[in-house]
Amino acid sequence: MDVQIRRWRTDDAEALAKALNNKKILDNLRDGIPYPYTVSDAEDFITAMLAADENSTFAWAIAVDGAAVGSIGAFRKDNVHRLTAEMGYYVAEEYWGKGVATKAIREVLEYLFKNTDIIRVFAQPYAFNAGSCRALEKNGFTCEGTLRSNAVKNGRTVDMKMYAILKEDYI
C-alpha cells in the first residue's frame, strides 16, 4: 500500500464526498462540515484549498495507491503564533488502523519543517479519539495536557488533548 500526500485534484471530489458521508468520521471532526456531504461540497472544498494562500494553508489529499482516501492540513496561526501551525486530518474508515494517518502526518511534518519557517505544529484531537492520539504519538508529538470540557460535540461536553511537536525535536 503506497501512502502519500499530494495536491488536491478536482477529480477527487467523489472520493472525498464518499469518505465524509460517514457519521463515524464526522464525529471525530469539528463542526461545520455538512451532512450529508455532497460532491458539490467536495468540489467547493477542493477549489478553496487549491486557491488558498500557500504560506498559511498547507492542505493535501491523503492518497493510497494514487486514490484520495482522506485529507490533511496544517494551518498557520497569526500574530505572536505566526511560527505555529495547527494540524488536522481524517482518513476514510476502511483505512483506519492501517498506518495511513501516521504516514501522512510524517510527510506533512517533513514538508513543514524543511520548507517553511514553522517551528511548532500542534493538534487537538478529542480525548476519546485514541487512534488519532496514537498516530500523533508515533510521529513524536508530545501530549502537553488534557483540555477539560473544551468542546461541545454532538450535544456533549468533551475533553480534547493538546499534542505538539517542535522542529528542533523532529529533525
N, C-alpha and C. Protein backbone atom coordinates (compact mmCIF):
# COMPACT_ATOMS: atom_id res chain seq x y z
N MET A 1 0.85 -1.18 0.00
CA MET A 1 0.00 0.00 0.00
C MET A 1 0.89 1.24 0.00
N ASP A 2 0.80 2.03 -1.05
CA ASP A 2 1.60 3.24 -1.19
C ASP A 2 0.80 4.43 -0.67
N VAL A 3 1.25 5.01 0.45
CA VAL A 3 0.57 6.15 1.06
C VAL A 3 1.40 7.39 0.81
N GLN A 4 0.74 8.44 0.35
CA GLN A 4 1.43 9.72 0.15
C GLN A 4 0.46 10.87 0.29
N ILE A 5 1.01 12.04 0.54
CA ILE A 5 0.18 13.25 0.47
C ILE A 5 0.44 13.87 -0.89
N ARG A 6 -0.58 14.48 -1.44
CA ARG A 6 -0.43 15.14 -2.73
C ARG A 6 -1.42 16.29 -2.82
N ARG A 7 -1.17 17.13 -3.77
CA ARG A 7 -2.07 18.27 -4.02
C ARG A 7 -3.46 17.74 -4.39
N TRP A 8 -4.48 18.47 -3.96
CA TRP A 8 -5.84 18.09 -4.33
C TRP A 8 -6.03 18.22 -5.84
N ARG A 9 -6.90 17.36 -6.39
CA ARG A 9 -7.30 17.44 -7.79
C ARG A 9 -8.82 17.50 -7.84
N THR A 10 -9.34 18.17 -8.84
CA THR A 10 -10.80 18.30 -8.95
C THR A 10 -11.48 16.94 -9.08
N ASP A 11 -10.79 15.96 -9.66
CA ASP A 11 -11.42 14.64 -9.80
C ASP A 11 -11.40 13.83 -8.49
N ASP A 12 -10.94 14.43 -7.38
CA ASP A 12 -11.01 13.79 -6.06
C ASP A 12 -12.36 13.99 -5.38
N ALA A 13 -13.23 14.80 -5.98
CA ALA A 13 -14.47 15.21 -5.31
C ALA A 13 -15.35 14.01 -4.93
N GLU A 14 -15.51 13.05 -5.80
CA GLU A 14 -16.38 11.91 -5.47
C GLU A 14 -15.83 11.09 -4.31
N ALA A 15 -14.54 10.86 -4.30
CA ALA A 15 -13.91 10.10 -3.21
C ALA A 15 -14.03 10.85 -1.89
N LEU A 16 -13.84 12.16 -1.96
CA LEU A 16 -13.96 12.99 -0.76
C LEU A 16 -15.39 12.94 -0.22
N ALA A 17 -16.37 13.08 -1.10
CA ALA A 17 -17.77 13.03 -0.67
C ALA A 17 -18.10 11.68 -0.06
N LYS A 18 -17.60 10.62 -0.65
CA LYS A 18 -17.85 9.27 -0.12
C LYS A 18 -17.28 9.12 1.29
N ALA A 19 -16.06 9.58 1.49
CA ALA A 19 -15.42 9.45 2.80
C ALA A 19 -16.15 10.25 3.86
N LEU A 20 -16.57 11.46 3.53
CA LEU A 20 -17.19 12.33 4.54
C LEU A 20 -18.67 12.06 4.75
N ASN A 21 -19.26 11.17 4.00
CA ASN A 21 -20.64 10.78 4.25
C ASN A 21 -20.68 9.64 5.26
N ASN A 22 -19.84 9.72 6.26
CA ASN A 22 -19.73 8.70 7.29
C ASN A 22 -19.77 9.41 8.64
N LYS A 23 -20.82 9.16 9.38
CA LYS A 23 -21.01 9.81 10.68
C LYS A 23 -19.86 9.51 11.63
N LYS A 24 -19.24 8.34 11.51
CA LYS A 24 -18.11 8.00 12.39
C LYS A 24 -16.94 8.95 12.17
N ILE A 25 -16.73 9.36 10.94
CA ILE A 25 -15.66 10.32 10.66
C ILE A 25 -16.05 11.69 11.17
N LEU A 26 -17.25 12.12 10.85
CA LEU A 26 -17.70 13.45 11.28
C LEU A 26 -17.72 13.58 12.80
N ASP A 27 -17.99 12.50 13.51
CA ASP A 27 -17.99 12.54 14.98
C ASP A 27 -16.62 12.84 15.56
N ASN A 28 -15.57 12.69 14.76
CA ASN A 28 -14.21 12.96 15.21
C ASN A 28 -13.65 14.28 14.68
N LEU A 29 -14.45 15.02 13.92
CA LEU A 29 -14.02 16.29 13.35
C LEU A 29 -14.78 17.43 14.00
N ARG A 30 -14.30 18.63 13.78
CA ARG A 30 -15.01 19.81 14.28
C ARG A 30 -16.29 19.99 13.48
N ASP A 31 -17.21 20.75 14.04
CA ASP A 31 -18.47 21.01 13.37
C ASP A 31 -18.26 21.93 12.16
N GLY A 32 -19.28 22.00 11.32
CA GLY A 32 -19.24 22.89 10.17
C GLY A 32 -19.18 22.16 8.85
N ILE A 33 -18.95 20.86 8.90
CA ILE A 33 -18.93 20.06 7.67
C ILE A 33 -20.36 19.59 7.43
N PRO A 34 -20.92 19.86 6.27
CA PRO A 34 -22.31 19.47 6.02
C PRO A 34 -22.50 17.95 6.02
N TYR A 35 -23.69 17.54 6.43
CA TYR A 35 -24.06 16.13 6.36
C TYR A 35 -25.50 16.05 5.90
N PRO A 36 -25.81 15.37 4.84
CA PRO A 36 -24.87 14.62 4.02
C PRO A 36 -23.91 15.55 3.28
N TYR A 37 -22.75 15.01 2.96
CA TYR A 37 -21.70 15.75 2.26
C TYR A 37 -21.78 15.39 0.79
N THR A 38 -22.03 16.40 -0.03
CA THR A 38 -22.26 16.15 -1.46
C THR A 38 -20.98 16.32 -2.28
N VAL A 39 -21.04 15.87 -3.50
CA VAL A 39 -19.93 16.08 -4.43
C VAL A 39 -19.72 17.57 -4.63
N SER A 40 -20.79 18.34 -4.65
CA SER A 40 -20.68 19.79 -4.78
C SER A 40 -19.94 20.39 -3.58
N ASP A 41 -20.22 19.90 -2.36
CA ASP A 41 -19.49 20.35 -1.18
C ASP A 41 -18.00 20.04 -1.34
N ALA A 42 -17.71 18.85 -1.84
CA ALA A 42 -16.32 18.44 -2.04
C ALA A 42 -15.63 19.32 -3.08
N GLU A 43 -16.33 19.61 -4.16
CA GLU A 43 -15.76 20.47 -5.19
C GLU A 43 -15.44 21.85 -4.63
N ASP A 44 -16.35 22.39 -3.81
CA ASP A 44 -16.12 23.70 -3.19
C ASP A 44 -14.89 23.67 -2.28
N PHE A 45 -14.77 22.61 -1.48
CA PHE A 45 -13.62 22.47 -0.58
C PHE A 45 -12.32 22.39 -1.38
N ILE A 46 -12.30 21.55 -2.38
CA ILE A 46 -11.09 21.37 -3.20
C ILE A 46 -10.70 22.69 -3.87
N THR A 47 -11.67 23.39 -4.41
CA THR A 47 -11.41 24.69 -5.05
C THR A 47 -10.81 25.66 -4.03
N ALA A 48 -11.36 25.69 -2.82
CA ALA A 48 -10.85 26.59 -1.79
C ALA A 48 -9.42 26.22 -1.40
N MET A 49 -9.13 24.94 -1.28
CA MET A 49 -7.78 24.51 -0.88
C MET A 49 -6.76 24.82 -1.98
N LEU A 50 -7.16 24.66 -3.23
CA LEU A 50 -6.25 24.95 -4.34
C LEU A 50 -5.99 26.45 -4.48
N ALA A 51 -6.93 27.28 -4.01
CA ALA A 51 -6.80 28.73 -4.12
C ALA A 51 -6.21 29.37 -2.86
N ALA A 52 -6.02 28.60 -1.81
CA ALA A 52 -5.59 29.14 -0.51
C ALA A 52 -4.16 29.68 -0.57
N ASP A 53 -3.87 30.59 0.33
CA ASP A 53 -2.52 31.16 0.46
C ASP A 53 -1.55 30.05 0.86
N GLU A 54 -0.60 29.78 0.00
CA GLU A 54 0.33 28.67 0.22
C GLU A 54 1.33 28.91 1.35
N ASN A 55 1.33 30.12 1.91
CA ASN A 55 2.20 30.40 3.06
C ASN A 55 1.49 30.23 4.39
N SER A 56 0.17 30.03 4.33
CA SER A 56 -0.57 29.89 5.59
C SER A 56 -1.47 28.66 5.63
N THR A 57 -1.85 28.15 4.49
CA THR A 57 -2.69 26.95 4.42
C THR A 57 -1.94 25.89 3.64
N PHE A 58 -1.60 24.82 4.35
CA PHE A 58 -0.87 23.71 3.74
C PHE A 58 -1.84 22.53 3.73
N ALA A 59 -2.45 22.27 2.58
CA ALA A 59 -3.53 21.29 2.52
C ALA A 59 -3.29 20.27 1.41
N TRP A 60 -3.46 19.01 1.76
CA TRP A 60 -3.22 17.93 0.81
C TRP A 60 -4.29 16.85 0.92
N ALA A 61 -4.43 16.11 -0.16
CA ALA A 61 -5.18 14.86 -0.12
C ALA A 61 -4.25 13.80 0.42
N ILE A 62 -4.81 12.88 1.20
CA ILE A 62 -4.08 11.68 1.58
C ILE A 62 -4.46 10.64 0.55
N ALA A 63 -3.46 10.10 -0.14
CA ALA A 63 -3.73 9.15 -1.22
C ALA A 63 -3.13 7.79 -0.90
N VAL A 64 -3.88 6.75 -1.23
CA VAL A 64 -3.40 5.37 -1.15
C VAL A 64 -3.43 4.84 -2.57
N ASP A 65 -2.27 4.42 -3.04
CA ASP A 65 -2.14 3.95 -4.42
C ASP A 65 -2.72 4.94 -5.41
N GLY A 66 -2.53 6.24 -5.12
CA GLY A 66 -2.95 7.31 -6.02
C GLY A 66 -4.35 7.84 -5.79
N ALA A 67 -5.21 7.09 -5.10
CA ALA A 67 -6.60 7.50 -4.89
C ALA A 67 -6.77 8.24 -3.56
N ALA A 68 -7.49 9.36 -3.59
CA ALA A 68 -7.73 10.14 -2.38
C ALA A 68 -8.57 9.33 -1.39
N VAL A 69 -8.07 9.22 -0.15
CA VAL A 69 -8.79 8.50 0.91
C VAL A 69 -8.95 9.35 2.16
N GLY A 70 -8.50 10.59 2.09
CA GLY A 70 -8.60 11.47 3.25
C GLY A 70 -8.00 12.82 2.97
N SER A 71 -7.90 13.60 4.03
CA SER A 71 -7.43 14.97 3.93
C SER A 71 -6.52 15.27 5.11
N ILE A 72 -5.51 16.08 4.88
CA ILE A 72 -4.63 16.53 5.95
C ILE A 72 -4.21 17.95 5.65
N GLY A 73 -4.12 18.74 6.70
CA GLY A 73 -3.69 20.11 6.51
C GLY A 73 -3.05 20.66 7.76
N ALA A 74 -2.27 21.69 7.57
CA ALA A 74 -1.69 22.45 8.67
C ALA A 74 -1.98 23.92 8.36
N PHE A 75 -2.41 24.63 9.38
CA PHE A 75 -2.90 25.99 9.17
C PHE A 75 -2.14 26.93 10.09
N ARG A 76 -1.37 27.81 9.46
CA ARG A 76 -0.53 28.75 10.19
C ARG A 76 -1.40 29.67 11.05
N LYS A 77 -0.97 29.91 12.26
CA LYS A 77 -1.63 30.86 13.14
C LYS A 77 -1.06 32.25 12.86
N ASP A 78 -1.56 33.26 13.55
CA ASP A 78 -1.10 34.61 13.27
C ASP A 78 -0.56 35.29 14.53
N ASN A 79 -0.19 36.53 14.35
CA ASN A 79 0.32 37.37 15.41
C ASN A 79 1.50 36.70 16.10
N VAL A 80 1.50 36.61 17.42
CA VAL A 80 2.64 36.03 18.13
C VAL A 80 2.79 34.53 17.89
N HIS A 81 1.77 33.91 17.29
CA HIS A 81 1.79 32.48 16.98
C HIS A 81 2.10 32.20 15.51
N ARG A 82 2.66 33.16 14.82
CA ARG A 82 2.86 33.06 13.37
C ARG A 82 3.82 31.96 12.93
N LEU A 83 4.61 31.42 13.85
CA LEU A 83 5.52 30.31 13.51
C LEU A 83 4.96 28.97 13.98
N THR A 84 3.67 28.98 14.29
CA THR A 84 2.96 27.79 14.76
C THR A 84 1.86 27.43 13.77
N ALA A 85 1.63 26.13 13.59
CA ALA A 85 0.55 25.68 12.71
C ALA A 85 -0.26 24.61 13.44
N GLU A 86 -1.57 24.63 13.20
CA GLU A 86 -2.46 23.60 13.73
C GLU A 86 -2.71 22.57 12.64
N MET A 87 -2.57 21.29 13.00
CA MET A 87 -2.77 20.20 12.06
C MET A 87 -4.13 19.54 12.28
N GLY A 88 -4.76 19.17 11.18
CA GLY A 88 -5.99 18.40 11.23
C GLY A 88 -6.00 17.40 10.09
N TYR A 89 -6.72 16.29 10.27
CA TYR A 89 -6.70 15.24 9.26
C TYR A 89 -7.83 14.25 9.51
N TYR A 90 -8.13 13.46 8.49
CA TYR A 90 -9.01 12.30 8.62
C TYR A 90 -8.71 11.36 7.47
N VAL A 91 -9.04 10.09 7.67
CA VAL A 91 -8.96 9.11 6.59
C VAL A 91 -10.27 8.34 6.54
N ALA A 92 -10.61 7.84 5.38
CA ALA A 92 -11.81 7.04 5.20
C ALA A 92 -11.77 5.84 6.15
N GLU A 93 -12.91 5.46 6.66
CA GLU A 93 -12.99 4.42 7.69
C GLU A 93 -12.30 3.12 7.30
N GLU A 94 -12.38 2.74 6.04
CA GLU A 94 -11.78 1.46 5.65
C GLU A 94 -10.25 1.47 5.77
N TYR A 95 -9.66 2.65 6.01
CA TYR A 95 -8.20 2.75 6.17
C TYR A 95 -7.78 2.99 7.62
N TRP A 96 -8.74 2.99 8.54
CA TRP A 96 -8.40 3.16 9.95
C TRP A 96 -7.55 1.98 10.42
N GLY A 97 -6.58 2.28 11.26
CA GLY A 97 -5.76 1.23 11.86
C GLY A 97 -4.73 0.63 10.93
N LYS A 98 -4.50 1.24 9.78
CA LYS A 98 -3.55 0.69 8.80
C LYS A 98 -2.30 1.55 8.62
N GLY A 99 -2.14 2.54 9.49
CA GLY A 99 -0.96 3.40 9.42
C GLY A 99 -1.04 4.52 8.40
N VAL A 100 -2.19 4.71 7.79
CA VAL A 100 -2.31 5.73 6.74
C VAL A 100 -2.17 7.13 7.33
N ALA A 101 -2.89 7.42 8.42
CA ALA A 101 -2.78 8.74 9.04
C ALA A 101 -1.37 8.97 9.57
N THR A 102 -0.78 7.95 10.17
CA THR A 102 0.58 8.07 10.70
C THR A 102 1.56 8.48 9.61
N LYS A 103 1.48 7.83 8.47
CA LYS A 103 2.39 8.14 7.36
C LYS A 103 2.12 9.54 6.81
N ALA A 104 0.87 9.92 6.69
CA ALA A 104 0.52 11.25 6.17
C ALA A 104 1.03 12.35 7.12
N ILE A 105 0.86 12.15 8.41
CA ILE A 105 1.35 13.12 9.39
C ILE A 105 2.85 13.28 9.24
N ARG A 106 3.56 12.17 9.11
CA ARG A 106 5.02 12.21 8.95
C ARG A 106 5.42 13.03 7.73
N GLU A 107 4.73 12.83 6.62
CA GLU A 107 5.05 13.57 5.39
C GLU A 107 4.79 15.07 5.55
N VAL A 108 3.71 15.42 6.23
CA VAL A 108 3.42 16.84 6.44
C VAL A 108 4.48 17.48 7.33
N LEU A 109 4.86 16.80 8.40
CA LEU A 109 5.89 17.34 9.28
C LEU A 109 7.20 17.54 8.52
N GLU A 110 7.56 16.56 7.74
CA GLU A 110 8.78 16.66 6.96
C GLU A 110 8.73 17.88 6.03
N TYR A 111 7.61 18.06 5.36
CA TYR A 111 7.47 19.20 4.46
C TYR A 111 7.56 20.52 5.24
N LEU A 112 6.78 20.64 6.31
CA LEU A 112 6.73 21.90 7.05
C LEU A 112 8.08 22.28 7.64
N PHE A 113 8.73 21.31 8.27
CA PHE A 113 9.98 21.63 8.95
C PHE A 113 11.15 21.83 8.00
N LYS A 114 11.06 21.31 6.78
CA LYS A 114 12.14 21.51 5.81
C LYS A 114 11.90 22.70 4.88
N ASN A 115 10.64 23.07 4.68
CA ASN A 115 10.33 24.06 3.65
C ASN A 115 9.68 25.35 4.14
N THR A 116 9.42 25.46 5.43
CA THR A 116 8.79 26.68 5.95
C THR A 116 9.55 27.13 7.20
N ASP A 117 9.13 28.25 7.74
CA ASP A 117 9.73 28.75 8.98
C ASP A 117 8.94 28.32 10.22
N ILE A 118 7.99 27.42 10.05
CA ILE A 118 7.19 26.94 11.18
C ILE A 118 8.09 26.15 12.14
N ILE A 119 7.96 26.46 13.43
CA ILE A 119 8.78 25.80 14.45
C ILE A 119 7.97 24.92 15.40
N ARG A 120 6.65 25.01 15.33
CA ARG A 120 5.79 24.22 16.22
C ARG A 120 4.53 23.83 15.47
N VAL A 121 4.16 22.57 15.57
CA VAL A 121 2.91 22.07 14.99
C VAL A 121 2.13 21.44 16.13
N PHE A 122 0.84 21.77 16.22
CA PHE A 122 0.02 21.18 17.26
C PHE A 122 -1.26 20.61 16.67
N ALA A 123 -1.86 19.71 17.42
CA ALA A 123 -3.15 19.11 17.05
C ALA A 123 -3.96 18.94 18.33
N GLN A 124 -5.27 19.04 18.17
CA GLN A 124 -6.16 18.92 19.33
C GLN A 124 -7.26 17.89 19.06
N PRO A 125 -6.93 16.62 19.08
CA PRO A 125 -7.97 15.61 18.89
C PRO A 125 -8.87 15.50 20.12
N TYR A 126 -10.09 15.04 19.90
CA TYR A 126 -10.94 14.73 21.04
C TYR A 126 -10.25 13.65 21.86
N ALA A 127 -10.38 13.73 23.17
CA ALA A 127 -9.70 12.77 24.05
C ALA A 127 -10.16 11.34 23.77
N PHE A 128 -11.39 11.17 23.30
CA PHE A 128 -11.92 9.82 23.03
C PHE A 128 -11.39 9.22 21.73
N ASN A 129 -10.69 10.00 20.92
CA ASN A 129 -10.20 9.52 19.62
C ASN A 129 -8.80 8.91 19.80
N ALA A 130 -8.76 7.71 20.33
CA ALA A 130 -7.49 7.05 20.64
C ALA A 130 -6.63 6.83 19.40
N GLY A 131 -7.23 6.52 18.27
CA GLY A 131 -6.47 6.28 17.05
C GLY A 131 -5.72 7.52 16.60
N SER A 132 -6.37 8.66 16.67
CA SER A 132 -5.72 9.91 16.28
C SER A 132 -4.59 10.25 17.24
N CYS A 133 -4.84 10.08 18.53
CA CYS A 133 -3.80 10.35 19.53
C CYS A 133 -2.59 9.45 19.27
N ARG A 134 -2.82 8.20 18.97
CA ARG A 134 -1.72 7.26 18.73
C ARG A 134 -0.93 7.63 17.48
N ALA A 135 -1.61 8.06 16.42
CA ALA A 135 -0.91 8.46 15.20
C ALA A 135 0.01 9.66 15.47
N LEU A 136 -0.43 10.57 16.29
CA LEU A 136 0.40 11.72 16.66
C LEU A 136 1.61 11.26 17.48
N GLU A 137 1.36 10.40 18.45
CA GLU A 137 2.45 9.91 19.31
C GLU A 137 3.50 9.16 18.49
N LYS A 138 3.07 8.38 17.51
CA LYS A 138 4.02 7.64 16.67
C LYS A 138 4.92 8.57 15.86
N ASN A 139 4.49 9.81 15.69
CA ASN A 139 5.28 10.79 14.96
C ASN A 139 6.05 11.74 15.87
N GLY A 140 6.12 11.42 17.15
CA GLY A 140 6.92 12.21 18.07
C GLY A 140 6.22 13.37 18.74
N PHE A 141 4.91 13.51 18.52
CA PHE A 141 4.18 14.55 19.23
C PHE A 141 4.14 14.22 20.72
N THR A 142 4.19 15.25 21.54
CA THR A 142 4.07 15.12 22.98
C THR A 142 2.68 15.56 23.40
N CYS A 143 2.05 14.79 24.25
CA CYS A 143 0.77 15.22 24.82
C CYS A 143 1.08 16.22 25.92
N GLU A 144 0.71 17.47 25.69
CA GLU A 144 1.02 18.54 26.64
C GLU A 144 -0.06 18.68 27.69
N GLY A 145 -1.17 17.97 27.51
CA GLY A 145 -2.22 18.03 28.53
C GLY A 145 -3.59 17.74 27.97
N THR A 146 -4.52 17.66 28.87
CA THR A 146 -5.93 17.48 28.52
C THR A 146 -6.65 18.79 28.72
N LEU A 147 -7.34 19.21 27.69
CA LEU A 147 -8.15 20.42 27.75
C LEU A 147 -9.55 20.01 28.18
N ARG A 148 -9.82 20.12 29.46
CA ARG A 148 -11.06 19.60 30.03
C ARG A 148 -12.27 20.42 29.59
N SER A 149 -13.34 19.71 29.25
CA SER A 149 -14.59 20.34 28.81
C SER A 149 -14.31 21.45 27.79
N ASN A 150 -13.51 21.12 26.81
CA ASN A 150 -13.03 22.10 25.85
C ASN A 150 -13.93 22.27 24.63
N ALA A 151 -14.86 21.36 24.41
CA ALA A 151 -15.70 21.45 23.22
C ALA A 151 -17.07 20.84 23.51
N VAL A 152 -18.02 21.23 22.67
CA VAL A 152 -19.34 20.59 22.70
C VAL A 152 -19.49 19.90 21.36
N LYS A 153 -19.55 18.59 21.39
CA LYS A 153 -19.66 17.79 20.17
C LYS A 153 -20.87 16.88 20.30
N ASN A 154 -21.75 16.94 19.33
CA ASN A 154 -22.97 16.13 19.33
C ASN A 154 -23.75 16.29 20.63
N GLY A 155 -23.80 17.52 21.13
CA GLY A 155 -24.58 17.83 22.32
C GLY A 155 -23.93 17.44 23.64
N ARG A 156 -22.69 16.93 23.58
CA ARG A 156 -21.98 16.54 24.81
C ARG A 156 -20.73 17.41 24.99
N THR A 157 -20.45 17.76 26.22
CA THR A 157 -19.21 18.46 26.52
C THR A 157 -18.11 17.41 26.58
N VAL A 158 -17.02 17.64 25.83
CA VAL A 158 -15.95 16.64 25.73
C VAL A 158 -14.59 17.28 25.98
N ASP A 159 -13.67 16.44 26.41
CA ASP A 159 -12.28 16.84 26.58
C ASP A 159 -11.55 16.72 25.25
N MET A 160 -10.49 17.49 25.14
CA MET A 160 -9.59 17.39 23.99
C MET A 160 -8.18 17.25 24.53
N LYS A 161 -7.31 16.69 23.73
CA LYS A 161 -5.89 16.58 24.08
C LYS A 161 -5.13 17.64 23.31
N MET A 162 -4.08 18.16 23.91
CA MET A 162 -3.19 19.09 23.23
C MET A 162 -1.89 18.36 22.95
N TYR A 163 -1.63 18.11 21.68
CA TYR A 163 -0.39 17.48 21.23
C TYR A 163 0.42 18.50 20.46
N ALA A 164 1.74 18.45 20.61
CA ALA A 164 2.59 19.36 19.85
C ALA A 164 3.95 18.70 19.59
N ILE A 165 4.58 19.19 18.54
CA ILE A 165 5.95 18.79 18.22
C ILE A 165 6.69 20.04 17.75
N LEU A 166 7.94 20.13 18.18
CA LEU A 166 8.79 21.26 17.79
C LEU A 166 9.75 20.83 16.70
N LYS A 167 10.08 21.76 15.84
CA LYS A 167 11.03 21.50 14.76
C LYS A 167 12.33 20.94 15.33
N GLU A 168 12.82 21.52 16.41
CA GLU A 168 14.10 21.09 17.00
C GLU A 168 14.04 19.66 17.52
N ASP A 169 12.86 19.17 17.85
CA ASP A 169 12.71 17.80 18.33
C ASP A 169 12.49 16.81 17.21
N TYR A 170 12.06 17.30 16.06
CA TYR A 170 11.73 16.42 14.94
C TYR A 170 12.95 16.09 14.10
N ILE A 171 13.75 17.08 13.82
CA ILE A 171 14.87 16.90 12.90
C ILE A 171 16.09 16.33 13.57
